[in-house]
Amino acid sequence: MVATSTLSAVKVIGAKGQILLGKKYAGRQVLVEEQEPGVWLVRTVTVLPDNERWLHESKAAADLERALAWATVNPPDDANTEQLLEKLADGPG
């Protein structure tokens, strides 16, 4: 069984219709659902832009996992920097 806690507090809605939830939620996005007149459910959310959704698909996640594993085994070094820059300057092929 998962223990849950409920925090209740009386808040005053300001003249501009705002409610302060506290600094720990500053900058967070929230979803406000009006369940019935005068009853709101406020939940923190993470909004995922449509053009970034592919990053969360299984193939992209697997590719990223492989890339991170490779990077762990192959740490960066600058031993061949000049050679790489010359190769890049020569262009493709």
Protein backbone atom coordinates (compact mmCIF):
# COMPACT_ATOMS: atom_id res chain seq x y z
CA MET A 1 0.00 0.00 0.00
CA VAL A 2 1.36 3.42 -0.97
CA ALA A 3 1.00 6.10 1.63
CA THR A 4 -0.32 9.41 0.39
CA SER A 5 -0.50 12.69 2.18
CA THR A 6 -2.98 15.46 1.60
CA LEU A 7 -2.01 19.05 2.23
CA SER A 8 -4.87 21.43 2.70
CA ALA A 9 -4.47 25.17 2.92
CA VAL A 10 -6.79 28.11 2.60
CA LYS A 11 -5.64 30.41 -0.20
CA VAL A 12 -7.07 33.74 -1.29
CA ILE A 13 -7.63 34.32 -4.98
CA GLY A 14 -6.12 37.71 -5.79
CA ALA A 15 -7.73 40.53 -7.73
CA LYS A 16 -6.13 39.21 -10.95
CA GLY A 17 -7.41 35.67 -10.36
CA GLN A 18 -4.11 34.26 -9.14
CA ILE A 19 -3.38 31.76 -6.38
CA LEU A 20 0.12 31.43 -4.92
CA LEU A 21 1.15 27.80 -4.40
CA GLY A 22 4.59 28.44 -2.95
CA LYS A 23 8.16 28.88 -4.18
CA LYS A 24 8.75 25.16 -4.61
CA TYR A 25 6.39 25.26 -7.59
CA ALA A 26 7.81 28.45 -9.12
CA GLY A 27 8.32 28.07 -12.85
CA ARG A 28 6.52 24.71 -13.02
CA GLN A 29 3.71 24.04 -15.45
CA VAL A 30 0.42 22.90 -14.00
CA LEU A 31 -2.75 21.43 -15.41
CA VAL A 32 -5.86 22.95 -13.86
CA GLU A 33 -9.01 20.86 -14.27
CA GLU A 34 -12.34 22.30 -13.25
CA GLN A 35 -14.18 19.21 -12.04
CA GLU A 36 -17.32 21.14 -11.24
CA PRO A 37 -18.04 24.81 -10.56
CA GLY A 38 -15.72 25.90 -7.74
CA VAL A 39 -13.81 22.59 -7.61
CA TRP A 40 -10.38 22.48 -9.25
CA LEU A 41 -7.73 19.81 -9.45
CA VAL A 42 -4.24 21.28 -9.91
CA ARG A 43 -1.48 18.89 -11.02
CA THR A 44 2.10 19.56 -12.01
CA VAL A 45 2.80 18.44 -15.58
CA THR A 46 5.57 18.28 -18.12
CA VAL A 47 4.46 19.40 -21.55
CA LEU A 48 6.17 17.67 -24.44
CA PRO A 49 6.38 19.72 -27.66
CA ASP A 50 5.20 17.83 -30.77
CA ASN A 51 8.55 18.30 -32.51
CA GLU A 52 10.37 16.60 -29.60
CA ARG A 53 7.99 13.67 -29.18
CA TRP A 54 10.17 11.41 -31.36
CA LEU A 55 12.88 11.58 -28.69
CA HIS A 56 10.62 9.59 -26.38
CA GLU A 57 9.79 6.82 -28.84
CA SER A 58 11.39 3.44 -28.23
CA LYS A 59 13.78 3.52 -31.23
CA ALA A 60 15.14 6.96 -30.36
CA ALA A 61 15.45 5.97 -26.70
CA ALA A 62 17.35 2.79 -27.69
CA ASP A 63 19.63 4.76 -30.03
CA LEU A 64 20.34 7.26 -27.29
CA GLU A 65 21.04 4.46 -24.80
CA ARG A 66 23.57 2.91 -27.24
CA ALA A 67 25.20 6.28 -27.86
CA LEU A 68 25.57 6.95 -24.14
CA ALA A 69 27.03 3.47 -23.59
CA TRP A 70 29.53 4.08 -26.42
CA ALA A 71 30.46 7.48 -24.98
CA THR A 72 31.10 5.87 -21.58
CA VAL A 73 33.54 3.36 -23.11
CA ASN A 74 35.10 5.92 -25.50
CA PRO A 75 35.85 9.05 -23.48
CA PRO A 76 36.71 12.17 -25.47
CA ASP A 77 40.34 13.04 -26.10
CA ASP A 78 42.14 15.49 -28.32
CA ALA A 79 45.01 13.21 -29.35
CA ASN A 80 44.13 13.36 -33.07
CA THR A 81 42.56 16.81 -33.26
CA GLU A 82 44.80 18.13 -36.05
CA GLN A 83 44.28 15.00 -38.15
CA LEU A 84 40.50 15.21 -37.69
CA LEU A 85 40.41 18.91 -38.59
CA GLU A 86 42.39 18.24 -41.76
CA LYS A 87 40.03 15.41 -42.70
CA LEU A 88 37.00 17.66 -42.12
CA ALA A 89 38.58 20.47 -44.15
CA ASP A 90 39.08 18.09 -47.10
CA GLY A 91 35.34 17.55 -47.24
CA PRO A 92 33.36 14.35 -47.81
CA GLY A 93 34.93 11.37 -49.47
